Amino acid sequence: MLAPSRPPVVLNPTPEQVRAARTAAGLSTAAASALVHRTQRNWQQWEAGTRSMDAALWELFTIKSRSESWSGLVNRVLNGTYE
């Protein structure tokens, strides 16, 4: 009998992964931090490597940043073009 499969383990991302994911999504640090409900300063610390991003926030960001509706909405709100 085969053992049940386990879900993949999500590890804390490196600062390089955090920056690469944000820039690939075309988001500013303000927009990226808004997607995961954290401050821009938190995001800057994750990219600088002075703080480690939690795996759950990384997973949330990767899901939301792939969705045009979420990232587009955040950018419009931050740019003042949301009505």
PDB file of N, CA and C in Angstrom:
ATOM      1  N   MET A   1       0.844  -1.185   0.000  1.00  0.00           N
ATOM      2  CA  MET A   1       0.000   0.000   0.000  1.00  0.00           C
ATOM      3  C   MET A   1       0.888   1.247   0.000  1.00  0.00           C
ATOM      4  N   LEU A   2       0.533   2.200  -0.820  1.00  0.00           N
ATOM      5  CA  LEU A   2       1.301   3.435  -0.908  1.00  0.00           C
ATOM      6  C   LEU A   2       0.967   4.376   0.235  1.00  0.00           C
ATOM      7  N   ALA A   3       1.981   5.072   0.706  1.00  0.00           N
ATOM      8  CA  ALA A   3       1.762   6.071   1.760  1.00  0.00           C
ATOM      9  C   ALA A   3       1.065   7.281   1.149  1.00  0.00           C
ATOM     10  N   PRO A   4       0.205   7.960   1.926  1.00  0.00           N
ATOM     11  CA  PRO A   4      -0.458   9.155   1.388  1.00  0.00           C
ATOM     12  C   PRO A   4       0.572  10.224   1.035  1.00  0.00           C
ATOM     13  N   SER A   5       0.307  10.931  -0.057  1.00  0.00           N
ATOM     14  CA  SER A   5       1.255  11.968  -0.458  1.00  0.00           C
ATOM     15  C   SER A   5       1.080  13.197   0.421  1.00  0.00           C
ATOM     16  N   ARG A   6       2.159  13.869   0.638  1.00  0.00           N
ATOM     17  CA  ARG A   6       2.154  15.092   1.450  1.00  0.00           C
ATOM     18  C   ARG A   6       2.179  16.302   0.539  1.00  0.00           C
ATOM     19  N   PRO A   7       1.569  17.386   0.991  1.00  0.00           N
ATOM     20  CA  PRO A   7       1.659  18.607   0.178  1.00  0.00           C
ATOM     21  C   PRO A   7       3.099  19.113   0.177  1.00  0.00           C
ATOM     22  N   PRO A   8       3.486  19.853  -0.858  1.00  0.00           N
ATOM     23  CA  PRO A   8       4.862  20.366  -0.899  1.00  0.00           C
ATOM     24  C   PRO A   8       5.127  21.319   0.256  1.00  0.00           C
ATOM     25  N   VAL A   9       6.339  21.287   0.727  1.00  0.00           N
ATOM     26  CA  VAL A   9       6.742  22.172   1.813  1.00  0.00           C
ATOM     27  C   VAL A   9       7.101  23.537   1.238  1.00  0.00           C
ATOM     28  N   VAL A  10       6.503  24.575   1.790  1.00  0.00           N
ATOM     29  CA  VAL A  10       6.811  25.940   1.356  1.00  0.00           C
ATOM     30  C   VAL A  10       7.821  26.512   2.340  1.00  0.00           C
ATOM     31  N   LEU A  11       8.971  26.872   1.832  1.00  0.00           N
ATOM     32  CA  LEU A  11      10.024  27.423   2.682  1.00  0.00           C
ATOM     33  C   LEU A  11      10.017  28.942   2.610  1.00  0.00           C
ATOM     34  N   ASN A  12      10.665  29.544   3.585  1.00  0.00           N
ATOM     35  CA  ASN A  12      10.800  30.999   3.561  1.00  0.00           C
ATOM     36  C   ASN A  12      11.641  31.383   2.350  1.00  0.00           C
ATOM     37  N   PRO A  13      11.204  32.378   1.593  1.00  0.00           N
ATOM     38  CA  PRO A  13      11.953  32.779   0.402  1.00  0.00           C
ATOM     39  C   PRO A  13      13.210  33.569   0.764  1.00  0.00           C
ATOM     40  N   THR A  14      14.167  33.547  -0.132  1.00  0.00           N
ATOM     41  CA  THR A  14      15.369  34.362   0.034  1.00  0.00           C
ATOM     42  C   THR A  14      15.033  35.802  -0.361  1.00  0.00           C
ATOM     43  N   PRO A  15      15.846  36.766   0.057  1.00  0.00           N
ATOM     44  CA  PRO A  15      15.623  38.148  -0.377  1.00  0.00           C
ATOM     45  C   PRO A  15      15.608  38.285  -1.905  1.00  0.00           C
ATOM     46  N   GLU A  16      16.452  37.516  -2.569  1.00  0.00           N
ATOM     47  CA  GLU A  16      16.503  37.561  -4.022  1.00  0.00           C
ATOM     48  C   GLU A  16      15.202  37.063  -4.641  1.00  0.00           C
ATOM     49  N   GLN A  17      14.613  36.013  -4.060  1.00  0.00           N
ATOM     50  CA  GLN A  17      13.336  35.498  -4.558  1.00  0.00           C
ATOM     51  C   GLN A  17      12.214  36.501  -4.346  1.00  0.00           C
ATOM     52  N   VAL A  18      12.228  37.184  -3.200  1.00  0.00           N
ATOM     53  CA  VAL A  18      11.199  38.175  -2.891  1.00  0.00           C
ATOM     54  C   VAL A  18      11.253  39.303  -3.913  1.00  0.00           C
ATOM     55  N   ARG A  19      12.438  39.825  -4.145  1.00  0.00           N
ATOM     56  CA  ARG A  19      12.597  40.921  -5.114  1.00  0.00           C
ATOM     57  C   ARG A  19      12.237  40.463  -6.528  1.00  0.00           C
ATOM     58  N   ALA A  20      12.705  39.293  -6.920  1.00  0.00           N
ATOM     59  CA  ALA A  20      12.440  38.791  -8.270  1.00  0.00           C
ATOM     60  C   ALA A  20      10.943  38.584  -8.505  1.00  0.00           C
ATOM     61  N   ALA A  21      10.245  38.063  -7.523  1.00  0.00           N
ATOM     62  CA  ALA A  21       8.801  37.831  -7.669  1.00  0.00           C
ATOM     63  C   ALA A  21       8.057  39.156  -7.783  1.00  0.00           C
ATOM     64  N   ARG A  22       8.464  40.131  -6.989  1.00  0.00           N
ATOM     65  CA  ARG A  22       7.802  41.444  -7.032  1.00  0.00           C
ATOM     66  C   ARG A  22       8.025  42.117  -8.380  1.00  0.00           C
ATOM     67  N   THR A  23       9.261  42.127  -8.840  1.00  0.00           N
ATOM     68  CA  THR A  23       9.542  42.803 -10.105  1.00  0.00           C
ATOM     69  C   THR A  23       8.911  42.054 -11.278  1.00  0.00           C
ATOM     70  N   ALA A  24       8.872  40.735 -11.217  1.00  0.00           N
ATOM     71  CA  ALA A  24       8.228  39.949 -12.280  1.00  0.00           C
ATOM     72  C   ALA A  24       6.730  40.253 -12.352  1.00  0.00           C
ATOM     73  N   ALA A  25       6.136  40.555 -11.195  1.00  0.00           N
ATOM     74  CA  ALA A  25       4.716  40.895 -11.154  1.00  0.00           C
ATOM     75  C   ALA A  25       4.473  42.345 -11.556  1.00  0.00           C
ATOM     76  N   GLY A  26       5.564  43.119 -11.702  1.00  0.00           N
ATOM     77  CA  GLY A  26       5.434  44.521 -12.096  1.00  0.00           C
ATOM     78  C   GLY A  26       4.885  45.401 -10.995  1.00  0.00           C
ATOM     79  N   LEU A  27       5.187  45.048  -9.743  1.00  0.00           N
ATOM     80  CA  LEU A  27       4.649  45.779  -8.594  1.00  0.00           C
ATOM     81  C   LEU A  27       5.724  46.584  -7.882  1.00  0.00           C
ATOM     82  N   SER A  28       5.321  47.707  -7.329  1.00  0.00           N
ATOM     83  CA  SER A  28       6.206  48.480  -6.449  1.00  0.00           C
ATOM     84  C   SER A  28       6.238  47.785  -5.092  1.00  0.00           C
ATOM     85  N   THR A  29       7.150  48.207  -4.234  1.00  0.00           N
ATOM     86  CA  THR A  29       7.169  47.630  -2.880  1.00  0.00           C
ATOM     87  C   THR A  29       5.883  47.987  -2.135  1.00  0.00           C
ATOM     88  N   ALA A  30       5.326  49.165  -2.399  1.00  0.00           N
ATOM     89  CA  ALA A  30       4.069  49.558  -1.748  1.00  0.00           C
ATOM     90  C   ALA A  30       2.928  48.653  -2.185  1.00  0.00           C
ATOM     91  N   ALA A  31       2.838  48.377  -3.479  1.00  0.00           N
ATOM     92  CA  ALA A  31       1.758  47.524  -3.994  1.00  0.00           C
ATOM     93  C   ALA A  31       1.926  46.080  -3.515  1.00  0.00           C
ATOM     94  N   ALA A  32       3.154  45.589  -3.542  1.00  0.00           N
ATOM     95  CA  ALA A  32       3.404  44.216  -3.109  1.00  0.00           C
ATOM     96  C   ALA A  32       3.065  44.035  -1.633  1.00  0.00           C
ATOM     97  N   SER A  33       3.468  44.997  -0.823  1.00  0.00           N
ATOM     98  CA  SER A  33       3.182  44.879   0.613  1.00  0.00           C
ATOM     99  C   SER A  33       1.686  44.972   0.888  1.00  0.00           C
ATOM    100  N   ALA A  34       0.978  45.766   0.097  1.00  0.00           N
ATOM    101  CA  ALA A  34      -0.475  45.878   0.266  1.00  0.00           C
ATOM    102  C   ALA A  34      -1.169  44.554  -0.043  1.00  0.00           C
ATOM    103  N   LEU A  35      -0.647  43.807  -0.996  1.00  0.00           N
ATOM    104  CA  LEU A  35      -1.248  42.512  -1.339  1.00  0.00           C
ATOM    105  C   LEU A  35      -1.241  41.548  -0.167  1.00  0.00           C
ATOM    106  N   VAL A  36      -0.216  41.623   0.683  1.00  0.00           N
ATOM    107  CA  VAL A  36      -0.112  40.693   1.815  1.00  0.00           C
ATOM    108  C   VAL A  36      -0.425  41.360   3.157  1.00  0.00           C
ATOM    109  N   HIS A  37      -0.983  42.563   3.082  1.00  0.00           N
ATOM    110  CA  HIS A  37      -1.432  43.287   4.283  1.00  0.00           C
ATOM    111  C   HIS A  37      -0.303  43.563   5.276  1.00  0.00           C
ATOM    112  N   ARG A  38       0.831  43.992   4.726  1.00  0.00           N
ATOM    113  CA  ARG A  38       1.977  44.387   5.547  1.00  0.00           C
ATOM    114  C   ARG A  38       2.424  45.768   5.117  1.00  0.00           C
ATOM    115  N   THR A  39       3.338  46.356   5.868  1.00  0.00           N
ATOM    116  CA  THR A  39       3.815  47.691   5.537  1.00  0.00           C
ATOM    117  C   THR A  39       4.874  47.627   4.437  1.00  0.00           C
ATOM    118  N   GLN A  40       5.062  48.763   3.788  1.00  0.00           N
ATOM    119  CA  GLN A  40       6.107  48.857   2.776  1.00  0.00           C
ATOM    120  C   GLN A  40       7.473  48.612   3.418  1.00  0.00           C
ATOM    121  N   ARG A  41       7.630  49.086   4.635  1.00  0.00           N
ATOM    122  CA  ARG A  41       8.896  48.872   5.351  1.00  0.00           C
ATOM    123  C   ARG A  41       9.162  47.383   5.544  1.00  0.00           C
ATOM    124  N   ASN A  42       8.117  46.603   5.892  1.00  0.00           N
ATOM    125  CA  ASN A  42       8.295  45.151   6.008  1.00  0.00           C
ATOM    126  C   ASN A  42       8.834  44.584   4.704  1.00  0.00           C
ATOM    127  N   TRP A  43       8.226  44.999   3.597  1.00  0.00           N
ATOM    128  CA  TRP A  43       8.648  44.464   2.296  1.00  0.00           C
ATOM    129  C   TRP A  43      10.104  44.821   2.017  1.00  0.00           C
ATOM    130  N   GLN A  44      10.464  46.057   2.307  1.00  0.00           N
ATOM    131  CA  GLN A  44      11.839  46.484   2.086  1.00  0.00           C
ATOM    132  C   GLN A  44      12.811  45.659   2.931  1.00  0.00           C
ATOM    133  N   GLN A  45      12.426  45.332   4.152  1.00  0.00           N
ATOM    134  CA  GLN A  45      13.273  44.511   5.014  1.00  0.00           C
ATOM    135  C   GLN A  45      13.409  43.092   4.472  1.00  0.00           C
ATOM    136  N   TRP A  46      12.337  42.549   3.912  1.00  0.00           N
ATOM    137  CA  TRP A  46      12.421  41.209   3.320  1.00  0.00           C
ATOM    138  C   TRP A  46      13.378  41.203   2.132  1.00  0.00           C
ATOM    139  N   GLU A  47      13.306  42.239   1.304  1.00  0.00           N
ATOM    140  CA  GLU A  47      14.197  42.311   0.149  1.00  0.00           C
ATOM    141  C   GLU A  47      15.639  42.588   0.550  1.00  0.00           C
ATOM    142  N   ALA A  48      15.831  43.309   1.636  1.00  0.00           N
ATOM    143  CA  ALA A  48      17.185  43.617   2.107  1.00  0.00           C
ATOM    144  C   ALA A  48      17.799  42.455   2.879  1.00  0.00           C
ATOM    145  N   GLY A  49      16.965  41.519   3.299  1.00  0.00           N
ATOM    146  CA  GLY A  49      17.459  40.382   4.063  1.00  0.00           C
ATOM    147  C   GLY A  49      17.617  40.650   5.544  1.00  0.00           C
ATOM    148  N   THR A  50      17.096  41.793   6.034  1.00  0.00           N
ATOM    149  CA  THR A  50      17.188  42.086   7.461  1.00  0.00           C
ATOM    150  C   THR A  50      16.043  41.442   8.241  1.00  0.00           C
ATOM    151  N   ARG A  51      15.077  40.927   7.506  1.00  0.00           N
ATOM    152  CA  ARG A  51      13.940  40.226   8.083  1.00  0.00           C
ATOM    153  C   ARG A  51      13.553  39.097   7.143  1.00  0.00           C
ATOM    154  N   SER A  52      13.069  38.007   7.699  1.00  0.00           N
ATOM    155  CA  SER A  52      12.687  36.861   6.878  1.00  0.00           C
ATOM    156  C   SER A  52      11.172  36.870   6.646  1.00  0.00           C
ATOM    157  N   MET A  53      10.780  36.689   5.390  1.00  0.00           N
ATOM    158  CA  MET A  53       9.359  36.634   5.066  1.00  0.00           C
ATOM    159  C   MET A  53       8.807  35.264   5.455  1.00  0.00           C
ATOM    160  N   ASP A  54       7.684  35.268   6.147  1.00  0.00           N
ATOM    161  CA  ASP A  54       7.033  34.041   6.563  1.00  0.00           C
ATOM    162  C   ASP A  54       6.549  33.263   5.341  1.00  0.00           C
ATOM    163  N   ALA A  55       6.621  31.949   5.414  1.00  0.00           N
ATOM    164  CA  ALA A  55       6.213  31.101   4.296  1.00  0.00           C
ATOM    165  C   ALA A  55       4.748  31.321   3.909  1.00  0.00           C
ATOM    166  N   ALA A  56       3.893  31.570   4.883  1.00  0.00           N
ATOM    167  CA  ALA A  56       2.469  31.794   4.578  1.00  0.00           C
ATOM    168  C   ALA A  56       2.273  33.091   3.793  1.00  0.00           C
ATOM    169  N   LEU A  57       3.026  34.137   4.136  1.00  0.00           N
ATOM    170  CA  LEU A  57       2.923  35.389   3.384  1.00  0.00           C
ATOM    171  C   LEU A  57       3.486  35.227   1.976  1.00  0.00           C
ATOM    172  N   TRP A  58       4.530  34.442   1.852  1.00  0.00           N
ATOM    173  CA  TRP A  58       5.114  34.173   0.539  1.00  0.00           C
ATOM    174  C   TRP A  58       4.095  33.451  -0.347  1.00  0.00           C
ATOM    175  N   GLU A  59       3.442  32.466   0.226  1.00  0.00           N
ATOM    176  CA  GLU A  59       2.423  31.731  -0.527  1.00  0.00           C
ATOM    177  C   GLU A  59       1.279  32.659  -0.928  1.00  0.00           C
ATOM    178  N   LEU A  60       0.830  33.497   0.004  1.00  0.00           N
ATOM    179  CA  LEU A  60      -0.235  34.456  -0.296  1.00  0.00           C
ATOM    180  C   LEU A  60       0.182  35.393  -1.423  1.00  0.00           C
ATOM    181  N   PHE A  61       1.397  35.915  -1.346  1.00  0.00           N
ATOM    182  CA  PHE A  61       1.865  36.826  -2.394  1.00  0.00           C
ATOM    183  C   PHE A  61       1.926  36.137  -3.750  1.00  0.00           C
ATOM    184  N   THR A  62       2.456  34.922  -3.793  1.00  0.00           N
ATOM    185  CA  THR A  62       2.579  34.248  -5.086  1.00  0.00           C
ATOM    186  C   THR A  62       1.206  33.966  -5.695  1.00  0.00           C
ATOM    187  N   ILE A  63       0.225  33.680  -4.885  1.00  0.00           N
ATOM    188  CA  ILE A  63      -1.127  33.451  -5.401  1.00  0.00           C
ATOM    189  C   ILE A  63      -1.746  34.759  -5.885  1.00  0.00           C
ATOM    190  N   LYS A  64      -1.715  35.778  -5.046  1.00  0.00           N
ATOM    191  CA  LYS A  64      -2.367  37.033  -5.391  1.00  0.00           C
ATOM    192  C   LYS A  64      -1.659  37.792  -6.505  1.00  0.00           C
ATOM    193  N   SER A  65      -0.352  37.720  -6.564  1.00  0.00           N
ATOM    194  CA  SER A  65       0.379  38.479  -7.582  1.00  0.00           C
ATOM    195  C   SER A  65       0.171  37.895  -8.974  1.00  0.00           C
ATOM    196  N   ARG A  66      -0.268  36.667  -9.060  1.00  0.00           N
ATOM    197  CA  ARG A  66      -0.559  36.047 -10.360  1.00  0.00           C
ATOM    198  C   ARG A  66      -1.940  36.423 -10.871  1.00  0.00           C
ATOM    199  N   SER A  67      -2.741  37.020 -10.013  1.00  0.00           N
ATOM    200  CA  SER A  67      -4.097  37.389 -10.379  1.00  0.00           C
ATOM    201  C   SER A  67      -4.137  38.854 -10.796  1.00  0.00           C
ATOM    202  N   GLU A  68      -4.476  39.101 -12.043  1.00  0.00           N
ATOM    203  CA  GLU A  68      -4.539  40.483 -12.543  1.00  0.00           C
ATOM    204  C   GLU A  68      -5.548  41.304 -11.761  1.00  0.00           C
ATOM    205  N   SER A  69      -6.628  40.674 -11.332  1.00  0.00           N
ATOM    206  CA  SER A  69      -7.649  41.440 -10.612  1.00  0.00           C
ATOM    207  C   SER A  69      -7.105  41.989  -9.292  1.00  0.00           C
ATOM    208  N   TRP A  70      -6.313  41.203  -8.573  1.00  0.00           N
ATOM    209  CA  TRP A  70      -5.753  41.684  -7.304  1.00  0.00           C
ATOM    210  C   TRP A  70      -4.665  42.719  -7.521  1.00  0.00           C
ATOM    211  N   SER A  71      -3.677  42.374  -8.339  1.00  0.00           N
ATOM    212  CA  SER A  71      -2.553  43.291  -8.503  1.00  0.00           C
ATOM    213  C   SER A  71      -2.985  44.562  -9.221  1.00  0.00           C
ATOM    214  N   GLY A  72      -3.908  44.445 -10.176  1.00  0.00           N
ATOM    215  CA  GLY A  72      -4.413  45.628 -10.867  1.00  0.00           C
ATOM    216  C   GLY A  72      -5.178  46.538  -9.929  1.00  0.00           C
ATOM    217  N   LEU A  73      -5.983  45.952  -9.069  1.00  0.00           N
ATOM    218  CA  LEU A  73      -6.747  46.738  -8.097  1.00  0.00           C
ATOM    219  C   LEU A  73      -5.818  47.474  -7.144  1.00  0.00           C
ATOM    220  N   VAL A  74      -4.832  46.784  -6.614  1.00  0.00           N
ATOM    221  CA  VAL A  74      -3.900  47.412  -5.679  1.00  0.00           C
ATOM    222  C   VAL A  74      -3.169  48.567  -6.356  1.00  0.00           C
ATOM    223  N   ASN A  75      -2.707  48.362  -7.575  1.00  0.00           N
ATOM    224  CA  ASN A  75      -2.010  49.437  -8.286  1.00  0.00           C
ATOM    225  C   ASN A  75      -2.921  50.633  -8.519  1.00  0.00           C
ATOM    226  N   ARG A  76      -4.187  50.400  -8.874  1.00  0.00           N
ATOM    227  CA  ARG A  76      -5.113  51.513  -9.093  1.00  0.00           C
ATOM    228  C   ARG A  76      -5.380  52.268  -7.797  1.00  0.00           C
ATOM    229  N   VAL A  77      -5.531  51.563  -6.696  1.00  0.00           N
ATOM    230  CA  VAL A  77      -5.768  52.234  -5.409  1.00  0.00           C
ATOM    231  C   VAL A  77      -4.550  53.073  -5.029  1.00  0.00           C
ATOM    232  N   LEU A  78      -3.361  52.508  -5.154  1.00  0.00           N
ATOM    233  CA  LEU A  78      -2.138  53.234  -4.777  1.00  0.00           C
ATOM    234  C   LEU A  78      -1.865  54.420  -5.698  1.00  0.00           C
ATOM    235  N   ASN A  79      -2.283  54.330  -6.959  1.00  0.00           N
ATOM    236  CA  ASN A  79      -2.067  55.417  -7.906  1.00  0.00           C
ATOM    237  C   ASN A  79      -3.186  56.455  -7.887  1.00  0.00           C
ATOM    238  N   GLY A  80      -4.206  56.203  -7.086  1.00  0.00           N
ATOM    239  CA  GLY A  80      -5.312  57.144  -6.986  1.00  0.00           C
ATOM    240  C   GLY A  80      -6.247  57.123  -8.179  1.00  0.00           C
ATOM    241  N   THR A  81      -6.240  56.034  -8.955  1.00  0.00           N
ATOM    242  CA  THR A  81      -7.105  55.965 -10.124  1.00  0.00           C
ATOM    243  C   THR A  81      -8.296  55.043  -9.903  1.00  0.00           C
ATOM    244  N   TYR A  82      -8.457  54.539  -8.676  1.00  0.00           N
ATOM    245  CA  TYR A  82      -9.588  53.660  -8.371  1.00  0.00           C
ATOM    246  C   TYR A  82     -10.802  54.501  -8.017  1.00  0.00           C
ATOM    247  N   GLU A  83     -11.912  54.211  -8.647  1.00  0.00           N
ATOM    248  CA  GLU A  83     -13.147  54.959  -8.375  1.00  0.00           C
ATOM    249  C   GLU A  83     -14.220  54.039  -7.865  1.00  0.00           C
TER     250      GLU A  83
END
